[in-house]
Amino acid sequence: MKAIELDEVQKALDQYSNRDVYIHLETTNGAYAKHFDRNAYNVGAFIRNAEVRYTRAKLVDAGDAFRVGLKMDKGWIYAEGVTDWELNEDGQLLMAGHDSEGRVMVALQISENPFRY
């Protein structure tokens, strides 16, 4: 993955708008928090292969990371803290946010085909 460049990633996001796509969205501090503090509160969310159609994508520079919003007819998909991205060999747009130690804290991925497990 490489660091997000706003114009490039916005263009990649736009290529999927108004099309049926599959979304993978994940956030976690999960096991990372428990390794350092037994009393830490684990949080996380996970959705994979949700089929959606978004009409607009917005990538916003939030200083040290980016926010991604996908506008659908009846709501939004939103990810904050994204720092890196790539278009892989399968044509999937992969975005992730990593902490200072390189651990994944948020992932948002978009594909025209279901993600493999």
C-alpha atoms as a PDB file:
ATOM      1  CA  MET A   1       0.000   0.000   0.000  1.00  0.00           C
ATOM      2  CA  LYS A   2       1.032   3.585  -0.484  1.00  0.00           C
ATOM      3  CA  ALA A   3       0.139   6.841   1.217  1.00  0.00           C
ATOM      4  CA  ILE A   4      -3.155   8.353   0.111  1.00  0.00           C
ATOM      5  CA  GLU A   5      -2.963  11.036  -2.557  1.00  0.00           C
ATOM      6  CA  LEU A   6      -6.324  12.793  -2.477  1.00  0.00           C
ATOM      7  CA  ASP A   7      -6.862  13.260  -6.225  1.00  0.00           C
ATOM      8  CA  GLU A   8      -5.832   9.703  -7.138  1.00  0.00           C
ATOM      9  CA  VAL A   9      -7.989   8.046  -4.507  1.00  0.00           C
ATOM     10  CA  GLN A  10     -10.964  10.302  -5.246  1.00  0.00           C
ATOM     11  CA  LYS A  11     -10.728   9.261  -8.898  1.00  0.00           C
ATOM     12  CA  ALA A  12     -10.603   5.586  -7.870  1.00  0.00           C
ATOM     13  CA  LEU A  13     -13.640   6.034  -5.602  1.00  0.00           C
ATOM     14  CA  ASP A  14     -15.575   7.793  -8.358  1.00  0.00           C
ATOM     15  CA  GLN A  15     -15.074   4.896 -10.783  1.00  0.00           C
ATOM     16  CA  TYR A  16     -17.348   2.734  -8.597  1.00  0.00           C
ATOM     17  CA  SER A  17     -20.168   5.241  -8.093  1.00  0.00           C
ATOM     18  CA  ASN A  18     -23.618   4.388  -9.451  1.00  0.00           C
ATOM     19  CA  ARG A  19     -22.638   0.725  -9.773  1.00  0.00           C
ATOM     20  CA  ASP A  20     -23.450  -2.301  -7.646  1.00  0.00           C
ATOM     21  CA  VAL A  21     -20.332  -2.994  -5.596  1.00  0.00           C
ATOM     22  CA  TYR A  22     -19.272  -5.064  -2.621  1.00  0.00           C
ATOM     23  CA  ILE A  23     -17.993  -3.361   0.509  1.00  0.00           C
ATOM     24  CA  HIS A  24     -15.689  -4.581   3.227  1.00  0.00           C
ATOM     25  CA  LEU A  25     -15.567  -2.245   6.243  1.00  0.00           C
ATOM     26  CA  GLU A  26     -13.714  -3.059   9.431  1.00  0.00           C
ATOM     27  CA  THR A  27     -12.571  -1.146  12.481  1.00  0.00           C
ATOM     28  CA  THR A  28     -10.751  -2.472  15.505  1.00  0.00           C
ATOM     29  CA  ASN A  29      -8.573  -1.752  18.438  1.00  0.00           C
ATOM     30  CA  GLY A  30      -9.358  -5.356  19.371  1.00  0.00           C
ATOM     31  CA  ALA A  31      -6.546  -7.566  20.512  1.00  0.00           C
ATOM     32  CA  TYR A  32      -4.098  -4.665  20.305  1.00  0.00           C
ATOM     33  CA  ALA A  33      -5.730  -2.972  23.288  1.00  0.00           C
ATOM     34  CA  LYS A  34      -5.852  -6.129  25.444  1.00  0.00           C
ATOM     35  CA  HIS A  35      -2.170  -6.916  24.869  1.00  0.00           C
ATOM     36  CA  PHE A  36      -1.136  -3.715  26.595  1.00  0.00           C
ATOM     37  CA  ASP A  37      -3.910  -3.240  29.141  1.00  0.00           C
ATOM     38  CA  ARG A  38      -6.051  -6.082  30.495  1.00  0.00           C
ATOM     39  CA  ASN A  39      -8.727  -3.570  31.402  1.00  0.00           C
ATOM     40  CA  ALA A  40      -8.875  -1.959  27.973  1.00  0.00           C
ATOM     41  CA  TYR A  41     -12.238  -1.879  26.280  1.00  0.00           C
ATOM     42  CA  ASN A  42     -12.187  -3.690  22.946  1.00  0.00           C
ATOM     43  CA  VAL A  43     -14.183  -2.187  20.103  1.00  0.00           C
ATOM     44  CA  GLY A  44     -14.620  -3.207  16.521  1.00  0.00           C
ATOM     45  CA  ALA A  45     -16.999  -3.474  13.604  1.00  0.00           C
ATOM     46  CA  PHE A  46     -16.923  -5.817  10.631  1.00  0.00           C
ATOM     47  CA  ILE A  47     -19.007  -6.111   7.490  1.00  0.00           C
ATOM     48  CA  ARG A  48     -17.938  -8.069   4.433  1.00  0.00           C
ATOM     49  CA  ASN A  49     -19.506  -8.451   1.011  1.00  0.00           C
ATOM     50  CA  ALA A  50     -22.371  -6.070   1.618  1.00  0.00           C
ATOM     51  CA  GLU A  51     -23.737  -5.216  -1.812  1.00  0.00           C
ATOM     52  CA  VAL A  52     -24.402  -1.492  -2.149  1.00  0.00           C
ATOM     53  CA  ARG A  53     -24.699   1.253  -4.724  1.00  0.00           C
ATOM     54  CA  TYR A  54     -23.369   4.666  -3.814  1.00  0.00           C
ATOM     55  CA  THR A  55     -24.137   7.815  -5.740  1.00  0.00           C
ATOM     56  CA  ARG A  56     -21.300   9.943  -4.472  1.00  0.00           C
ATOM     57  CA  ALA A  57     -17.926   9.391  -2.821  1.00  0.00           C
ATOM     58  CA  LYS A  58     -16.136  12.043  -0.810  1.00  0.00           C
ATOM     59  CA  LEU A  59     -12.547  11.838   0.419  1.00  0.00           C
ATOM     60  CA  VAL A  60     -11.571  14.532   2.934  1.00  0.00           C
ATOM     61  CA  ASP A  61      -8.127  15.335   4.328  1.00  0.00           C
ATOM     62  CA  ALA A  62      -8.504  15.350   8.118  1.00  0.00           C
ATOM     63  CA  GLY A  63      -4.904  16.323   8.873  1.00  0.00           C
ATOM     64  CA  ASP A  64      -2.998  13.173   9.756  1.00  0.00           C
ATOM     65  CA  ALA A  65      -5.456  10.828   7.982  1.00  0.00           C
ATOM     66  CA  PHE A  66      -8.476  10.908   5.673  1.00  0.00           C
ATOM     67  CA  ARG A  67     -12.235  10.425   5.973  1.00  0.00           C
ATOM     68  CA  VAL A  68     -14.125   8.521   3.288  1.00  0.00           C
ATOM     69  CA  GLY A  69     -17.878   8.861   2.847  1.00  0.00           C
ATOM     70  CA  LEU A  70     -20.028   6.927   0.403  1.00  0.00           C
ATOM     71  CA  LYS A  71     -23.498   8.438  -0.133  1.00  0.00           C
ATOM     72  CA  MET A  72     -26.281   5.984  -0.869  1.00  0.00           C
ATOM     73  CA  ASP A  73     -29.938   6.698  -1.586  1.00  0.00           C
ATOM     74  CA  LYS A  74     -30.866   5.947   2.022  1.00  0.00           C
ATOM     75  CA  GLY A  75     -27.751   6.718   4.038  1.00  0.00           C
ATOM     76  CA  TRP A  76     -23.984   6.816   4.247  1.00  0.00           C
ATOM     77  CA  ILE A  77     -21.036   4.491   4.689  1.00  0.00           C
ATOM     78  CA  TYR A  78     -18.263   6.282   6.505  1.00  0.00           C
ATOM     79  CA  ALA A  79     -14.668   5.435   7.464  1.00  0.00           C
ATOM     80  CA  GLU A  80     -12.280   7.720   9.319  1.00  0.00           C
ATOM     81  CA  GLY A  81      -8.547   7.375   9.880  1.00  0.00           C
ATOM     82  CA  VAL A  82      -7.627   6.024   6.445  1.00  0.00           C
ATOM     83  CA  THR A  83      -3.952   6.558   5.579  1.00  0.00           C
ATOM     84  CA  ASP A  84      -3.012   4.128   2.796  1.00  0.00           C
ATOM     85  CA  TRP A  85      -4.453   2.655  -0.392  1.00  0.00           C
ATOM     86  CA  GLU A  86      -3.933   0.493  -3.455  1.00  0.00           C
ATOM     87  CA  LEU A  87      -5.774  -0.846  -6.470  1.00  0.00           C
ATOM     88  CA  ASN A  88      -4.908  -4.537  -6.484  1.00  0.00           C
ATOM     89  CA  GLU A  89      -4.546  -6.966  -9.370  1.00  0.00           C
ATOM     90  CA  ASP A  90      -8.247  -7.904  -9.074  1.00  0.00           C
ATOM     91  CA  GLY A  91      -9.320  -4.276  -9.557  1.00  0.00           C
ATOM     92  CA  GLN A  92     -10.317  -3.885  -5.909  1.00  0.00           C
ATOM     93  CA  LEU A  93      -9.833  -0.554  -4.163  1.00  0.00           C
ATOM     94  CA  LEU A  94      -8.222  -1.250  -0.791  1.00  0.00           C
ATOM     95  CA  MET A  95      -7.906   1.503   1.811  1.00  0.00           C
ATOM     96  CA  ALA A  96      -6.647   1.183   5.369  1.00  0.00           C
ATOM     97  CA  GLY A  97      -5.616   3.238   8.342  1.00  0.00           C
ATOM     98  CA  HIS A  98      -2.629   2.151  10.386  1.00  0.00           C
ATOM     99  CA  ASP A  99      -1.471   3.225  13.807  1.00  0.00           C
ATOM    100  CA  SER A 100       2.078   4.404  14.542  1.00  0.00           C
ATOM    101  CA  GLU A 101       3.208   0.775  14.850  1.00  0.00           C
ATOM    102  CA  GLY A 102       1.747  -0.239  11.482  1.00  0.00           C
ATOM    103  CA  ARG A 103      -1.279  -2.123  12.838  1.00  0.00           C
ATOM    104  CA  VAL A 104      -4.541  -1.888  10.893  1.00  0.00           C
ATOM    105  CA  MET A 105      -7.149   0.164  12.744  1.00  0.00           C
ATOM    106  CA  VAL A 106      -9.661   0.699   9.918  1.00  0.00           C
ATOM    107  CA  ALA A 107     -10.168  -0.843   6.485  1.00  0.00           C
ATOM    108  CA  LEU A 108     -12.563   0.099   3.695  1.00  0.00           C
ATOM    109  CA  GLN A 109     -12.472  -1.949   0.528  1.00  0.00           C
ATOM    110  CA  ILE A 110     -14.592  -1.741  -2.625  1.00  0.00           C
ATOM    111  CA  SER A 111     -14.941  -4.350  -5.359  1.00  0.00           C
ATOM    112  CA  GLU A 112     -17.210  -5.209  -8.274  1.00  0.00           C
ATOM    113  CA  ASN A 113     -16.967  -8.862  -7.204  1.00  0.00           C
ATOM    114  CA  PRO A 114     -17.380 -10.427  -3.768  1.00  0.00           C
ATOM    115  CA  PHE A 115     -14.265 -10.538  -1.630  1.00  0.00           C
ATOM    116  CA  ARG A 116     -12.788 -14.001  -1.103  1.00  0.00           C
ATOM    117  CA  TYR A 117     -12.674 -15.277   2.453  1.00  0.00           C
END
